[in-house]
Amino acid sequence: MLALIRQSRRNEGRGFRLYIPFCLIVAVFSFVPLSFKGSPPARARTSTFTARLINLEATSRETFRYNASLYNGRNHAAIFEFNAPVPAGWSTTFRVDGMQVTSFRLDSNRTQDVSIEIVPSPAVTPGKYNIPVTAVAEGDTLLLALEAVVKGTYAVELTTPDGRLSDEITEGSRKPIHLTIKNTGSLPLDGLELSAQSPPKWDATFEPAKIERLEAGKSIDVIAKLHVPDKTIAGDYVTNFTVKNANATANATFRMTVTTSWLAGWLGISVILLAIAIIYYLIRKYGRR
C-alpha cells in the first residue's frame, strides 16, 4: 500500500513538470510578431480626382477658380477627358500647367494639378449651384462635385434710350430729356433718387424724381426737364445727371448746346444797324465842318 502511494506522488510530480513547458510554449507563440505569420499583399492604388476647396463664393461678375489634383493609379498611361455640365450662359475652362485643355495624357502613378475656371452668367440668380466635374479615361469616370455660391450684386446704369448724350436748346426755354435707368445687378434696387448738377441759374426737374423699386435686369424711363435762363450766352454747357441709392450709383454727362432765340437775334441786328445809322448821320452832319 505504501508503495502505491509513493508511485502516485511520483506520477503527479511528473505531470506537473510536463504542464509547465506546455504553458511556456503557448505563451511564446501567442506573442510571435505578425510578420512571422505573414501580411496580406498591398492593394493597388486607384485613380482619384480631388480638390481641397470644393465650395467657393463670389459675385456673378467674378470667376470661380478651383485647384484640383488628378492621380492616375493605373499601371499604364491614360488620356483623361474633362467635362463639366453647367447652367445655360455659364462657361468652364480647364488648365494644365497654365495651358487651356479639354483632355491630356497622364503617366502611370503620376499626379497632375488641374485648374478649373467657371464663369457664371451675368444674369444668374443668386444662390448655390452644384457643378459635377468629370475626368473620363478608358470608360472610367472620376467625379469631382464642386459648389459655386453666387452672391447678389448691386449695379445701376444711367443713359438715354438711343445712347445719345447731347442736344440743343434755345436760351430762355425748357426742354425734356429722356433718360433710361437700368438695374444691371442681380439684386433689386430700392429708393433710387435722381439729381442734376447743372450750370448756375439752370434748373432741372425729374418725372418721377424717385423710383421706389427696380427689379434686377429691368429698366425704366425718366424725363428730365432742363430749363435754361434768359440771356444765356450761346455755347456748349454740361449737365451731370445722377441716380443713386444706398447701394449703387451711376452718372451720365449730358452736353447741351445753347442757341439764341430769333427775336434776340433780330434785336441784336437792329441795334447794330441803328448804331451804324447814327455813326453815318454824325459823319454827314459834322464831317463838313
C-alpha atoms as a PDB file:
ATOM      1  CA  MET A   1       0.000   0.000   0.000  1.00  0.00           C
ATOM      2  CA  LEU A   2       2.790   2.393   0.855  1.00  0.00           C
ATOM      3  CA  ALA A   3       4.449   1.619  -2.476  1.00  0.00           C
ATOM      4  CA  LEU A   4       1.291   2.584  -4.411  1.00  0.00           C
ATOM      5  CA  ILE A   5       1.049   5.916  -2.637  1.00  0.00           C
ATOM      6  CA  ARG A   6       4.668   6.742  -3.444  1.00  0.00           C
ATOM      7  CA  GLN A   7       4.128   5.755  -7.102  1.00  0.00           C
ATOM      8  CA  SER A   8       1.077   8.027  -7.318  1.00  0.00           C
ATOM      9  CA  ARG A   9       3.012  11.002  -5.931  1.00  0.00           C
ATOM     10  CA  ARG A  10       5.807  10.453  -8.440  1.00  0.00           C
ATOM     11  CA  ASN A  11       3.251  10.459 -11.284  1.00  0.00           C
ATOM     12  CA  GLU A  12       1.709  13.721 -10.011  1.00  0.00           C
ATOM     13  CA  GLY A  13       5.104  15.429  -9.931  1.00  0.00           C
ATOM     14  CA  ARG A  14       5.911  14.218 -13.432  1.00  0.00           C
ATOM     15  CA  GLY A  15       2.599  15.629 -14.798  1.00  0.00           C
ATOM     16  CA  PHE A  16       3.263  18.992 -13.204  1.00  0.00           C
ATOM     17  CA  ARG A  17       6.727  19.091 -14.766  1.00  0.00           C
ATOM     18  CA  LEU A  18       5.213  18.393 -18.219  1.00  0.00           C
ATOM     19  CA  TYR A  19       2.471  21.073 -17.777  1.00  0.00           C
ATOM     20  CA  ILE A  20       4.927  23.931 -17.182  1.00  0.00           C
ATOM     21  CA  PRO A  21       6.828  23.570 -20.523  1.00  0.00           C
ATOM     22  CA  PHE A  22       3.490  23.320 -22.373  1.00  0.00           C
ATOM     23  CA  CYS A  23       2.322  26.646 -20.901  1.00  0.00           C
ATOM     24  CA  LEU A  24       5.600  28.300 -21.821  1.00  0.00           C
ATOM     25  CA  ILE A  25       5.281  27.143 -25.464  1.00  0.00           C
ATOM     26  CA  VAL A  26       1.723  28.546 -25.717  1.00  0.00           C
ATOM     27  CA  ALA A  27       2.821  31.881 -24.236  1.00  0.00           C
ATOM     28  CA  VAL A  28       5.731  32.219 -26.661  1.00  0.00           C
ATOM     29  CA  PHE A  29       3.616  31.573 -29.752  1.00  0.00           C
ATOM     30  CA  SER A  30       0.931  33.999 -28.575  1.00  0.00           C
ATOM     31  CA  PHE A  31       3.498  36.849 -28.682  1.00  0.00           C
ATOM     32  CA  VAL A  32       5.019  35.973 -32.031  1.00  0.00           C
ATOM     33  CA  PRO A  33       5.054  39.165 -34.245  1.00  0.00           C
ATOM     34  CA  LEU A  34       2.549  39.367 -37.069  1.00  0.00           C
ATOM     35  CA  SER A  35       5.413  39.495 -39.550  1.00  0.00           C
ATOM     36  CA  PHE A  36       6.131  35.855 -38.840  1.00  0.00           C
ATOM     37  CA  LYS A  37       2.519  34.987 -39.534  1.00  0.00           C
ATOM     38  CA  GLY A  38       2.685  36.790 -42.922  1.00  0.00           C
ATOM     39  CA  SER A  39       0.957  40.052 -44.094  1.00  0.00           C
ATOM     40  CA  PRO A  40      -1.675  40.476 -46.855  1.00  0.00           C
ATOM     41  CA  PRO A  41      -0.391  41.844 -50.172  1.00  0.00           C
ATOM     42  CA  ALA A  42      -0.753  45.620 -50.646  1.00  0.00           C
ATOM     43  CA  ARG A  43      -3.686  46.649 -52.864  1.00  0.00           C
ATOM     44  CA  ALA A  44      -3.045  48.710 -55.971  1.00  0.00           C
ATOM     45  CA  ARG A  45      -4.000  52.410 -55.708  1.00  0.00           C
ATOM     46  CA  THR A  46      -6.964  53.647 -57.737  1.00  0.00           C
ATOM     47  CA  SER A  47      -7.191  56.844 -59.774  1.00  0.00           C
ATOM     48  CA  THR A  48      -8.569  59.889 -57.927  1.00  0.00           C
ATOM     49  CA  PHE A  49      -9.850  63.365 -58.796  1.00  0.00           C
ATOM     50  CA  THR A  50      -9.932  65.668 -55.760  1.00  0.00           C
ATOM     51  CA  ALA A  51      -9.848  69.336 -54.699  1.00  0.00           C
ATOM     52  CA  ARG A  52      -9.015  70.860 -51.336  1.00  0.00           C
ATOM     53  CA  LEU A  53     -11.677  73.575 -51.692  1.00  0.00           C
ATOM     54  CA  ILE A  54     -14.869  72.445 -53.406  1.00  0.00           C
ATOM     55  CA  ASN A  55     -17.139  75.304 -52.280  1.00  0.00           C
ATOM     56  CA  LEU A  56     -16.362  78.873 -53.404  1.00  0.00           C
ATOM     57  CA  GLU A  57     -18.364  82.093 -53.049  1.00  0.00           C
ATOM     58  CA  ALA A  58     -18.212  85.063 -55.438  1.00  0.00           C
ATOM     59  CA  THR A  59     -20.374  87.512 -57.358  1.00  0.00           C
ATOM     60  CA  SER A  60     -21.738  86.962 -60.844  1.00  0.00           C
ATOM     61  CA  ARG A  61     -19.041  89.317 -62.180  1.00  0.00           C
ATOM     62  CA  GLU A  62     -16.186  87.163 -60.828  1.00  0.00           C
ATOM     63  CA  THR A  63     -14.588  83.875 -61.903  1.00  0.00           C
ATOM     64  CA  PHE A  64     -14.745  80.787 -59.686  1.00  0.00           C
ATOM     65  CA  ARG A  65     -11.268  79.173 -59.637  1.00  0.00           C
ATOM     66  CA  TYR A  66     -10.773  75.679 -58.197  1.00  0.00           C
ATOM     67  CA  ASN A  67      -7.417  73.913 -57.770  1.00  0.00           C
ATOM     68  CA  ALA A  68      -7.866  70.171 -58.334  1.00  0.00           C
ATOM     69  CA  SER A  69      -5.491  67.205 -58.292  1.00  0.00           C
ATOM     70  CA  LEU A  70      -5.747  64.224 -60.670  1.00  0.00           C
ATOM     71  CA  TYR A  71      -3.942  60.935 -59.904  1.00  0.00           C
ATOM     72  CA  ASN A  72      -3.539  58.072 -62.401  1.00  0.00           C
ATOM     73  CA  GLY A  73      -3.495  54.834 -60.419  1.00  0.00           C
ATOM     74  CA  ARG A  74      -3.359  52.582 -63.470  1.00  0.00           C
ATOM     75  CA  ASN A  75      -0.262  50.595 -64.389  1.00  0.00           C
ATOM     76  CA  HIS A  76      -0.094  52.439 -67.707  1.00  0.00           C
ATOM     77  CA  ALA A  77      -0.507  55.974 -69.056  1.00  0.00           C
ATOM     78  CA  ALA A  78      -4.037  57.181 -69.812  1.00  0.00           C
ATOM     79  CA  ILE A  79      -5.724  60.110 -71.562  1.00  0.00           C
ATOM     80  CA  PHE A  80      -8.220  61.910 -69.327  1.00  0.00           C
ATOM     81  CA  GLU A  81     -11.015  63.987 -70.881  1.00  0.00           C
ATOM     82  CA  PHE A  82     -12.669  66.741 -68.838  1.00  0.00           C
ATOM     83  CA  ASN A  83     -16.310  67.699 -68.818  1.00  0.00           C
ATOM     84  CA  ALA A  84     -18.475  69.983 -66.649  1.00  0.00           C
ATOM     85  CA  PRO A  85     -22.202  70.454 -67.383  1.00  0.00           C
ATOM     86  CA  VAL A  86     -23.016  73.993 -66.243  1.00  0.00           C
ATOM     87  CA  PRO A  87     -26.215  76.099 -66.433  1.00  0.00           C
ATOM     88  CA  ALA A  88     -27.057  77.980 -69.610  1.00  0.00           C
ATOM     89  CA  GLY A  89     -24.935  81.091 -70.059  1.00  0.00           C
ATOM     90  CA  TRP A  90     -22.072  79.727 -67.918  1.00  0.00           C
ATOM     91  CA  SER A  91     -18.623  78.715 -69.219  1.00  0.00           C
ATOM     92  CA  THR A  92     -15.903  76.353 -67.969  1.00  0.00           C
ATOM     93  CA  THR A  93     -12.158  76.281 -68.670  1.00  0.00           C
ATOM     94  CA  PHE A  94      -9.613  73.605 -67.679  1.00  0.00           C
ATOM     95  CA  ARG A  95      -5.916  74.459 -67.449  1.00  0.00           C
ATOM     96  CA  VAL A  96      -2.890  72.187 -67.054  1.00  0.00           C
ATOM     97  CA  ASP A  97       0.469  73.903 -66.485  1.00  0.00           C
ATOM     98  CA  GLY A  98      -1.191  77.195 -67.450  1.00  0.00           C
ATOM     99  CA  MET A  99      -2.408  75.873 -70.828  1.00  0.00           C
ATOM    100  CA  GLN A 100      -6.111  75.577 -71.671  1.00  0.00           C
ATOM    101  CA  VAL A 101      -7.037  71.931 -72.372  1.00  0.00           C
ATOM    102  CA  THR A 102     -10.038  69.655 -72.768  1.00  0.00           C
ATOM    103  CA  SER A 103      -8.004  66.455 -72.253  1.00  0.00           C
ATOM    104  CA  PHE A 104      -4.405  65.426 -71.542  1.00  0.00           C
ATOM    105  CA  ARG A 105      -2.181  62.364 -71.111  1.00  0.00           C
ATOM    106  CA  LEU A 106      -1.079  61.374 -67.607  1.00  0.00           C
ATOM    107  CA  ASP A 107       1.613  58.752 -66.940  1.00  0.00           C
ATOM    108  CA  SER A 108       1.083  55.816 -64.610  1.00  0.00           C
ATOM    109  CA  ASN A 109       1.180  56.555 -60.865  1.00  0.00           C
ATOM    110  CA  ARG A 110       1.599  60.270 -61.511  1.00  0.00           C
ATOM    111  CA  THR A 111      -0.325  63.255 -60.081  1.00  0.00           C
ATOM    112  CA  GLN A 112      -1.190  66.406 -62.042  1.00  0.00           C
ATOM    113  CA  ASP A 113      -2.569  69.743 -60.790  1.00  0.00           C
ATOM    114  CA  VAL A 114      -5.594  70.934 -62.746  1.00  0.00           C
ATOM    115  CA  SER A 115      -7.050  74.466 -62.584  1.00  0.00           C
ATOM    116  CA  ILE A 116     -10.805  74.717 -63.153  1.00  0.00           C
ATOM    117  CA  GLU A 117     -12.268  78.142 -64.007  1.00  0.00           C
ATOM    118  CA  ILE A 118     -16.041  78.628 -64.020  1.00  0.00           C
ATOM    119  CA  VAL A 119     -17.625  81.891 -65.193  1.00  0.00           C
ATOM    120  CA  PRO A 120     -21.318  82.352 -64.290  1.00  0.00           C
ATOM    121  CA  SER A 121     -23.876  84.092 -66.459  1.00  0.00           C
ATOM    122  CA  PRO A 122     -24.175  87.849 -65.757  1.00  0.00           C
ATOM    123  CA  ALA A 123     -27.931  87.395 -65.329  1.00  0.00           C
ATOM    124  CA  VAL A 124     -27.616  84.490 -62.886  1.00  0.00           C
ATOM    125  CA  THR A 125     -29.894  84.421 -59.843  1.00  0.00           C
ATOM    126  CA  PRO A 126     -28.024  84.430 -56.505  1.00  0.00           C
ATOM    127  CA  GLY A 127     -27.832  81.011 -54.878  1.00  0.00           C
ATOM    128  CA  LYS A 128     -25.804  77.791 -54.606  1.00  0.00           C
ATOM    129  CA  TYR A 129     -25.108  75.795 -57.785  1.00  0.00           C
ATOM    130  CA  ASN A 130     -23.815  72.212 -57.882  1.00  0.00           C
ATOM    131  CA  ILE A 131     -21.343  71.566 -60.710  1.00  0.00           C
ATOM    132  CA  PRO A 132     -20.330  67.925 -61.346  1.00  0.00           C
ATOM    133  CA  VAL A 133     -16.890  67.883 -62.986  1.00  0.00           C
ATOM    134  CA  THR A 134     -15.706  64.599 -64.518  1.00  0.00           C
ATOM    135  CA  ALA A 135     -12.415  63.205 -65.814  1.00  0.00           C
ATOM    136  CA  VAL A 136     -13.019  60.209 -68.097  1.00  0.00           C
ATOM    137  CA  ALA A 137     -10.340  57.727 -69.196  1.00  0.00           C
ATOM    138  CA  GLU A 138     -10.930  54.336 -70.851  1.00  0.00           C
ATOM    139  CA  GLY A 139     -14.530  54.184 -69.690  1.00  0.00           C
ATOM    140  CA  ASP A 140     -13.630  55.007 -66.080  1.00  0.00           C
ATOM    141  CA  THR A 141     -15.300  58.210 -64.810  1.00  0.00           C
ATOM    142  CA  LEU A 142     -13.832  60.186 -61.917  1.00  0.00           C
ATOM    143  CA  LEU A 143     -16.313  62.626 -60.374  1.00  0.00           C
ATOM    144  CA  LEU A 144     -15.454  65.875 -58.596  1.00  0.00           C
ATOM    145  CA  ALA A 145     -18.524  67.583 -57.111  1.00  0.00           C
ATOM    146  CA  LEU A 146     -17.970  71.351 -56.948  1.00  0.00           C
ATOM    147  CA  GLU A 147     -20.224  74.060 -55.499  1.00  0.00           C
ATOM    148  CA  ALA A 148     -20.448  77.690 -56.652  1.00  0.00           C
ATOM    149  CA  VAL A 149     -22.256  80.115 -54.356  1.00  0.00           C
ATOM    150  CA  VAL A 150     -23.242  83.222 -56.331  1.00  0.00           C
ATOM    151  CA  LYS A 151     -23.660  86.339 -54.213  1.00  0.00           C
ATOM    152  CA  GLY A 152     -26.016  89.108 -55.215  1.00  0.00           C
ATOM    153  CA  THR A 153     -24.654  92.371 -56.682  1.00  0.00           C
ATOM    154  CA  TYR A 154     -25.951  95.947 -56.810  1.00  0.00           C
ATOM    155  CA  ALA A 155     -25.377  97.874 -60.046  1.00  0.00           C
ATOM    156  CA  VAL A 156     -27.239 100.595 -61.937  1.00  0.00           C
ATOM    157  CA  GLU A 157     -26.756 102.255 -65.305  1.00  0.00           C
ATOM    158  CA  LEU A 158     -27.934 105.724 -66.444  1.00  0.00           C
ATOM    159  CA  THR A 159     -28.138 106.580 -70.135  1.00  0.00           C
ATOM    160  CA  THR A 160     -30.619 107.626 -72.826  1.00  0.00           C
ATOM    161  CA  PRO A 161     -32.873 105.351 -74.917  1.00  0.00           C
ATOM    162  CA  ASP A 162     -30.718 105.862 -78.043  1.00  0.00           C
ATOM    163  CA  GLY A 163     -27.404 106.371 -76.232  1.00  0.00           C
ATOM    164  CA  ARG A 164     -27.109 109.974 -77.369  1.00  0.00           C
ATOM    165  CA  LEU A 165     -25.875 112.355 -74.670  1.00  0.00           C
ATOM    166  CA  SER A 166     -26.098 115.740 -76.412  1.00  0.00           C
ATOM    167  CA  ASP A 167     -28.789 118.093 -77.703  1.00  0.00           C
ATOM    168  CA  GLU A 168     -29.606 121.733 -78.459  1.00  0.00           C
ATOM    169  CA  ILE A 169     -31.721 124.226 -76.578  1.00  0.00           C
ATOM    170  CA  THR A 170     -32.682 127.853 -77.018  1.00  0.00           C
ATOM    171  CA  GLU A 171     -31.858 130.259 -74.212  1.00  0.00           C
ATOM    172  CA  GLY A 172     -34.833 131.072 -72.020  1.00  0.00           C
ATOM    173  CA  SER A 173     -36.627 127.802 -72.841  1.00  0.00           C
ATOM    174  CA  ARG A 174     -37.289 124.426 -71.231  1.00  0.00           C
ATOM    175  CA  LYS A 175     -36.542 121.081 -72.882  1.00  0.00           C
ATOM    176  CA  PRO A 176     -37.373 117.468 -71.879  1.00  0.00           C
ATOM    177  CA  ILE A 177     -34.516 114.952 -71.871  1.00  0.00           C
ATOM    178  CA  HIS A 178     -35.410 111.267 -71.892  1.00  0.00           C
ATOM    179  CA  LEU A 179     -33.227 109.152 -69.605  1.00  0.00           C
ATOM    180  CA  THR A 180     -33.138 105.370 -69.069  1.00  0.00           C
ATOM    181  CA  ILE A 181     -32.285 103.764 -65.737  1.00  0.00           C
ATOM    182  CA  LYS A 182     -31.346 100.081 -65.844  1.00  0.00           C
ATOM    183  CA  ASN A 183     -30.685  97.678 -62.996  1.00  0.00           C
ATOM    184  CA  THR A 184     -27.604  95.802 -64.222  1.00  0.00           C
ATOM    185  CA  GLY A 185     -27.057  93.918 -60.955  1.00  0.00           C
ATOM    186  CA  SER A 186     -28.595  90.717 -59.640  1.00  0.00           C
ATOM    187  CA  LEU A 187     -30.467  92.234 -56.678  1.00  0.00           C
ATOM    188  CA  PRO A 188     -33.398  94.698 -56.693  1.00  0.00           C
ATOM    189  CA  LEU A 189     -32.698  98.389 -56.115  1.00  0.00           C
ATOM    190  CA  ASP A 190     -34.900 100.314 -53.691  1.00  0.00           C
ATOM    191  CA  GLY A 191     -35.296 104.072 -53.245  1.00  0.00           C
ATOM    192  CA  LEU A 192     -33.450 105.326 -56.328  1.00  0.00           C
ATOM    193  CA  GLU A 193     -33.223 109.130 -56.410  1.00  0.00           C
ATOM    194  CA  LEU A 194     -32.292 111.413 -59.311  1.00  0.00           C
ATOM    195  CA  SER A 195     -30.379 114.674 -59.209  1.00  0.00           C
ATOM    196  CA  ALA A 196     -28.588 117.036 -61.597  1.00  0.00           C
ATOM    197  CA  GLN A 197     -25.534 119.269 -61.400  1.00  0.00           C
ATOM    198  CA  SER A 198     -26.069 121.997 -63.982  1.00  0.00           C
ATOM    199  CA  PRO A 199     -24.593 125.470 -64.745  1.00  0.00           C
ATOM    200  CA  PRO A 200     -25.536 128.374 -62.453  1.00  0.00           C
ATOM    201  CA  LYS A 201     -29.158 129.546 -62.622  1.00  0.00           C
ATOM    202  CA  TRP A 202     -30.148 126.497 -64.656  1.00  0.00           C
ATOM    203  CA  ASP A 203     -32.946 124.326 -63.332  1.00  0.00           C
ATOM    204  CA  ALA A 204     -33.619 120.576 -63.704  1.00  0.00           C
ATOM    205  CA  THR A 205     -36.644 118.577 -62.559  1.00  0.00           C
ATOM    206  CA  PHE A 206     -37.474 114.878 -62.969  1.00  0.00           C
ATOM    207  CA  GLU A 207     -40.628 112.864 -63.590  1.00  0.00           C
ATOM    208  CA  PRO A 208     -40.559 110.758 -61.489  1.00  0.00           C
ATOM    209  CA  ALA A 209     -37.955 112.137 -59.105  1.00  0.00           C
ATOM    210  CA  LYS A 210     -37.745 108.875 -57.103  1.00  0.00           C
ATOM    211  CA  ILE A 211     -38.097 105.208 -58.035  1.00  0.00           C
ATOM    212  CA  GLU A 212     -39.350 103.069 -55.181  1.00  0.00           C
ATOM    213  CA  ARG A 213     -38.115  99.706 -56.542  1.00  0.00           C
ATOM    214  CA  LEU A 214     -36.387  98.465 -59.692  1.00  0.00           C
ATOM    215  CA  GLU A 215     -36.005  94.708 -60.136  1.00  0.00           C
ATOM    216  CA  ALA A 216     -32.798  93.101 -61.423  1.00  0.00           C
ATOM    217  CA  GLY A 217     -32.494  93.244 -65.204  1.00  0.00           C
ATOM    218  CA  LYS A 218     -35.345  95.757 -65.533  1.00  0.00           C
ATOM    219  CA  SER A 219     -35.234  99.345 -66.799  1.00  0.00           C
ATOM    220  CA  ILE A 220     -37.403 102.434 -66.505  1.00  0.00           C
ATOM    221  CA  ASP A 221     -37.622 105.677 -68.491  1.00  0.00           C
ATOM    222  CA  VAL A 222     -37.443 109.047 -66.741  1.00  0.00           C
ATOM    223  CA  ILE A 223     -37.953 112.547 -68.145  1.00  0.00           C
ATOM    224  CA  ALA A 224     -35.604 115.318 -67.043  1.00  0.00           C
ATOM    225  CA  LYS A 225     -36.873 118.819 -67.800  1.00  0.00           C
ATOM    226  CA  LEU A 226     -33.970 121.240 -68.218  1.00  0.00           C
ATOM    227  CA  HIS A 227     -34.645 124.991 -68.078  1.00  0.00           C
ATOM    228  CA  VAL A 228     -32.114 127.474 -69.474  1.00  0.00           C
ATOM    229  CA  PRO A 229     -32.479 131.069 -68.185  1.00  0.00           C
ATOM    230  CA  ASP A 230     -32.855 134.084 -70.425  1.00  0.00           C
ATOM    231  CA  LYS A 231     -29.801 135.882 -71.770  1.00  0.00           C
ATOM    232  CA  THR A 232     -27.647 132.757 -71.546  1.00  0.00           C
ATOM    233  CA  ILE A 233     -24.619 133.166 -73.778  1.00  0.00           C
ATOM    234  CA  ALA A 234     -24.641 130.807 -76.726  1.00  0.00           C
ATOM    235  CA  GLY A 235     -22.261 127.874 -76.421  1.00  0.00           C
ATOM    236  CA  ASP A 236     -21.846 124.336 -75.053  1.00  0.00           C
ATOM    237  CA  TYR A 237     -22.804 123.557 -71.454  1.00  0.00           C
ATOM    238  CA  VAL A 238     -22.535 120.328 -69.467  1.00  0.00           C
ATOM    239  CA  THR A 239     -25.094 118.893 -67.052  1.00  0.00           C
ATOM    240  CA  ASN A 240     -24.286 115.826 -64.920  1.00  0.00           C
ATOM    241  CA  PHE A 241     -27.272 113.596 -64.137  1.00  0.00           C
ATOM    242  CA  THR A 242     -27.016 111.156 -61.209  1.00  0.00           C
ATOM    243  CA  VAL A 243     -29.128 108.250 -59.993  1.00  0.00           C
ATOM    244  CA  LYS A 244     -28.265 106.569 -56.702  1.00  0.00           C
ATOM    245  CA  ASN A 245     -29.374 104.824 -53.547  1.00  0.00           C
ATOM    246  CA  ALA A 246     -27.515 103.400 -50.561  1.00  0.00           C
ATOM    247  CA  ASN A 247     -26.027 100.525 -52.603  1.00  0.00           C
ATOM    248  CA  ALA A 248     -25.364 101.782 -56.138  1.00  0.00           C
ATOM    249  CA  THR A 249     -24.820 104.954 -58.130  1.00  0.00           C
ATOM    250  CA  ALA A 250     -24.463 105.958 -61.787  1.00  0.00           C
ATOM    251  CA  ASN A 251     -23.769 109.185 -63.681  1.00  0.00           C
ATOM    252  CA  ALA A 252     -24.408 110.496 -67.170  1.00  0.00           C
ATOM    253  CA  THR A 253     -22.772 113.630 -68.609  1.00  0.00           C
ATOM    254  CA  PHE A 254     -25.100 115.457 -70.983  1.00  0.00           C
ATOM    255  CA  ARG A 255     -23.807 118.204 -73.275  1.00  0.00           C
ATOM    256  CA  MET A 256     -26.285 120.928 -74.194  1.00  0.00           C
ATOM    257  CA  THR A 257     -25.661 123.484 -76.955  1.00  0.00           C
ATOM    258  CA  VAL A 258     -27.425 126.786 -76.213  1.00  0.00           C
ATOM    259  CA  THR A 259     -28.554 128.951 -79.115  1.00  0.00           C
ATOM    260  CA  THR A 260     -30.103 132.421 -79.030  1.00  0.00           C
ATOM    261  CA  SER A 261     -33.740 132.975 -80.000  1.00  0.00           C
ATOM    262  CA  TRP A 262     -34.673 134.573 -83.360  1.00  0.00           C
ATOM    263  CA  LEU A 263     -36.140 137.595 -81.571  1.00  0.00           C
ATOM    264  CA  ALA A 264     -32.935 138.199 -79.697  1.00  0.00           C
ATOM    265  CA  GLY A 265     -31.024 137.798 -82.940  1.00  0.00           C
ATOM    266  CA  TRP A 266     -33.155 140.351 -84.766  1.00  0.00           C
ATOM    267  CA  LEU A 267     -32.895 142.727 -81.834  1.00  0.00           C
ATOM    268  CA  GLY A 268     -29.137 142.402 -81.926  1.00  0.00           C
ATOM    269  CA  ILE A 269     -29.068 143.059 -85.666  1.00  0.00           C
ATOM    270  CA  SER A 270     -31.374 146.032 -85.203  1.00  0.00           C
ATOM    271  CA  VAL A 271     -29.088 147.506 -82.560  1.00  0.00           C
ATOM    272  CA  ILE A 272     -26.081 147.082 -84.837  1.00  0.00           C
ATOM    273  CA  LEU A 273     -27.892 148.681 -87.790  1.00  0.00           C
ATOM    274  CA  LEU A 274     -29.077 151.540 -85.591  1.00  0.00           C
ATOM    275  CA  ALA A 275     -25.534 152.167 -84.367  1.00  0.00           C
ATOM    276  CA  ILE A 276     -24.251 152.219 -87.928  1.00  0.00           C
ATOM    277  CA  ALA A 277     -27.010 154.676 -88.942  1.00  0.00           C
ATOM    278  CA  ILE A 278     -26.169 157.016 -86.038  1.00  0.00           C
ATOM    279  CA  ILE A 279     -22.491 156.990 -86.906  1.00  0.00           C
ATOM    280  CA  TYR A 280     -23.286 157.689 -90.543  1.00  0.00           C
ATOM    281  CA  TYR A 281     -25.584 160.578 -89.566  1.00  0.00           C
ATOM    282  CA  LEU A 282     -22.944 162.099 -87.317  1.00  0.00           C
ATOM    283  CA  ILE A 283     -20.316 161.859 -90.017  1.00  0.00           C
ATOM    284  CA  ARG A 284     -22.629 163.519 -92.594  1.00  0.00           C
ATOM    285  CA  LYS A 285     -23.624 166.253 -90.226  1.00  0.00           C
ATOM    286  CA  TYR A 286     -20.336 167.199 -88.638  1.00  0.00           C
ATOM    287  CA  GLY A 287     -17.932 165.925 -91.206  1.00  0.00           C
ATOM    288  CA  ARG A 288     -18.337 169.010 -93.454  1.00  0.00           C
ATOM    289  CA  ARG A 289     -17.161 171.411 -90.760  1.00  0.00           C
END
